[in-house]
Amino acid sequence: MTQGVSGASGAAITTVRRAVLLGAQAAVIGYGQANYGPTKYRWNEELLDHKRKLEVSAWCICGMKKTRFNSADFGTIVISTYATEQS
């Protein structure tokens, strides 16, 4: 888990760990304009090594972002807990 961060200085706090819980609609995804058929993903299959090995690739143009409404995070909870310093 990531270390806690001081709100005043922005420095990492070694005795604090933060867990982030993501709920419904905590993130949104957007896809590029390319139309590859019924899905936004492009799929390719090729047989290699004299048709003994199958190579599969899939790709798309997309981006993901955390949702925010009125400058507040939506669908997320951060839980800070005490942790001993690692030596």
C-alpha atoms as a PDB file:
ATOM      1  CA  MET A   1       0.000   0.000   0.000  1.00  0.00           C
ATOM      2  CA  THR A   2       1.146   3.535  -0.609  1.00  0.00           C
ATOM      3  CA  GLN A   3       2.461   5.797   2.135  1.00  0.00           C
ATOM      4  CA  GLY A   4       0.376   8.572   3.632  1.00  0.00           C
ATOM      5  CA  VAL A   5       1.040  12.160   2.606  1.00  0.00           C
ATOM      6  CA  SER A   6       1.116  15.231   4.875  1.00  0.00           C
ATOM      7  CA  GLY A   7      -1.573  17.734   3.934  1.00  0.00           C
ATOM      8  CA  ALA A   8       0.587  20.685   4.997  1.00  0.00           C
ATOM      9  CA  SER A   9       3.921  19.862   3.365  1.00  0.00           C
ATOM     10  CA  GLY A  10       3.125  17.115   0.840  1.00  0.00           C
ATOM     11  CA  ALA A  11       5.906  14.939   2.294  1.00  0.00           C
ATOM     12  CA  ALA A  12       5.452  11.168   2.631  1.00  0.00           C
ATOM     13  CA  ILE A  13       4.710   9.868   6.142  1.00  0.00           C
ATOM     14  CA  THR A  14       6.468   6.542   6.701  1.00  0.00           C
ATOM     15  CA  THR A  15       4.192   5.400   9.561  1.00  0.00           C
ATOM     16  CA  VAL A  16       0.935   5.766   7.607  1.00  0.00           C
ATOM     17  CA  ARG A  17      -0.412   3.518   4.845  1.00  0.00           C
ATOM     18  CA  ARG A  18      -3.412   4.402   2.666  1.00  0.00           C
ATOM     19  CA  ALA A  19      -5.879   1.980   1.105  1.00  0.00           C
ATOM     20  CA  VAL A  20      -8.206   3.209  -1.645  1.00  0.00           C
ATOM     21  CA  LEU A  21     -11.583   1.521  -2.093  1.00  0.00           C
ATOM     22  CA  LEU A  22     -13.292   2.056  -5.448  1.00  0.00           C
ATOM     23  CA  GLY A  23     -17.066   1.859  -5.735  1.00  0.00           C
ATOM     24  CA  ALA A  24     -19.488   1.931  -8.630  1.00  0.00           C
ATOM     25  CA  GLN A  25     -18.832   4.694 -11.159  1.00  0.00           C
ATOM     26  CA  ALA A  26     -15.485   5.594  -9.548  1.00  0.00           C
ATOM     27  CA  ALA A  27     -13.901   5.750 -13.007  1.00  0.00           C
ATOM     28  CA  VAL A  28     -14.987   6.418 -16.572  1.00  0.00           C
ATOM     29  CA  ILE A  29     -13.489   5.223 -19.841  1.00  0.00           C
ATOM     30  CA  GLY A  30     -13.503   6.861 -23.253  1.00  0.00           C
ATOM     31  CA  TYR A  31     -12.706   5.271 -26.607  1.00  0.00           C
ATOM     32  CA  GLY A  32     -11.293   6.717 -29.826  1.00  0.00           C
ATOM     33  CA  GLN A  33     -13.432   7.233 -32.913  1.00  0.00           C
ATOM     34  CA  ALA A  34     -12.195   4.224 -34.881  1.00  0.00           C
ATOM     35  CA  ASN A  35     -14.956   1.746 -35.638  1.00  0.00           C
ATOM     36  CA  TYR A  36     -13.711  -1.857 -35.775  1.00  0.00           C
ATOM     37  CA  GLY A  37     -17.139  -3.483 -35.859  1.00  0.00           C
ATOM     38  CA  PRO A  38     -19.365  -4.401 -32.910  1.00  0.00           C
ATOM     39  CA  THR A  39     -16.632  -3.620 -30.331  1.00  0.00           C
ATOM     40  CA  LYS A  40     -14.075  -0.847 -29.884  1.00  0.00           C
ATOM     41  CA  TYR A  41     -11.210  -3.356 -29.751  1.00  0.00           C
ATOM     42  CA  ARG A  42      -9.167  -4.579 -32.667  1.00  0.00           C
ATOM     43  CA  TRP A  43      -8.276  -8.279 -32.672  1.00  0.00           C
ATOM     44  CA  ASN A  44      -5.572 -10.093 -34.644  1.00  0.00           C
ATOM     45  CA  GLU A  45      -4.628 -13.780 -34.756  1.00  0.00           C
ATOM     46  CA  GLU A  46      -1.573 -15.173 -36.560  1.00  0.00           C
ATOM     47  CA  LEU A  47      -0.158 -18.673 -36.826  1.00  0.00           C
ATOM     48  CA  LEU A  48       3.643 -18.797 -36.474  1.00  0.00           C
ATOM     49  CA  ASP A  49       6.325 -21.489 -36.579  1.00  0.00           C
ATOM     50  CA  HIS A  50       4.786 -23.455 -39.448  1.00  0.00           C
ATOM     51  CA  LYS A  51       1.289 -23.057 -37.961  1.00  0.00           C
ATOM     52  CA  ARG A  52       2.247 -24.600 -34.596  1.00  0.00           C
ATOM     53  CA  LYS A  53       2.038 -21.458 -32.439  1.00  0.00           C
ATOM     54  CA  LEU A  54      -0.884 -19.074 -32.234  1.00  0.00           C
ATOM     55  CA  GLU A  55      -0.131 -15.400 -31.561  1.00  0.00           C
ATOM     56  CA  VAL A  56      -3.069 -13.210 -30.529  1.00  0.00           C
ATOM     57  CA  SER A  57      -3.086  -9.444 -30.082  1.00  0.00           C
ATOM     58  CA  ALA A  58      -5.834  -7.007 -29.129  1.00  0.00           C
ATOM     59  CA  TRP A  59      -5.694  -3.225 -28.896  1.00  0.00           C
ATOM     60  CA  CYS A  60      -7.781  -0.092 -28.779  1.00  0.00           C
ATOM     61  CA  ILE A  61      -7.422   3.648 -28.328  1.00  0.00           C
ATOM     62  CA  CYS A  62      -8.862   4.486 -24.922  1.00  0.00           C
ATOM     63  CA  GLY A  63      -8.321   6.413 -21.718  1.00  0.00           C
ATOM     64  CA  MET A  64      -9.511   6.078 -18.114  1.00  0.00           C
ATOM     65  CA  LYS A  65     -10.029   8.806 -15.514  1.00  0.00           C
ATOM     66  CA  LYS A  66     -11.295   9.074 -11.935  1.00  0.00           C
ATOM     67  CA  THR A  67     -14.705  10.782 -11.741  1.00  0.00           C
ATOM     68  CA  ARG A  68     -15.016  14.154  -9.990  1.00  0.00           C
ATOM     69  CA  PHE A  69     -18.154  16.245  -9.476  1.00  0.00           C
ATOM     70  CA  ASN A  70     -18.001  19.802  -8.072  1.00  0.00           C
ATOM     71  CA  SER A  71     -14.272  19.321  -7.328  1.00  0.00           C
ATOM     72  CA  ALA A  72     -14.960  16.255  -5.142  1.00  0.00           C
ATOM     73  CA  ASP A  73     -14.001  12.640  -5.817  1.00  0.00           C
ATOM     74  CA  PHE A  74     -16.943  10.344  -6.536  1.00  0.00           C
ATOM     75  CA  GLY A  75     -17.242   6.675  -5.532  1.00  0.00           C
ATOM     76  CA  THR A  76     -13.941   6.438  -3.623  1.00  0.00           C
ATOM     77  CA  ILE A  77     -13.034   6.005   0.034  1.00  0.00           C
ATOM     78  CA  VAL A  78      -9.498   6.372   1.431  1.00  0.00           C
ATOM     79  CA  ILE A  79      -8.658   4.564   4.671  1.00  0.00           C
ATOM     80  CA  SER A  80      -5.471   5.613   6.489  1.00  0.00           C
ATOM     81  CA  THR A  81      -3.921   3.174   8.984  1.00  0.00           C
ATOM     82  CA  TYR A  82      -0.858   3.122  11.235  1.00  0.00           C
ATOM     83  CA  ALA A  83       2.115   1.069  10.094  1.00  0.00           C
ATOM     84  CA  THR A  84       5.491   0.461  11.679  1.00  0.00           C
ATOM     85  CA  GLU A  85       8.503   1.874   9.895  1.00  0.00           C
ATOM     86  CA  GLN A  86      10.306  -0.656   7.732  1.00  0.00           C
ATOM     87  CA  SER A  87      13.973  -1.203   8.507  1.00  0.00           C
END
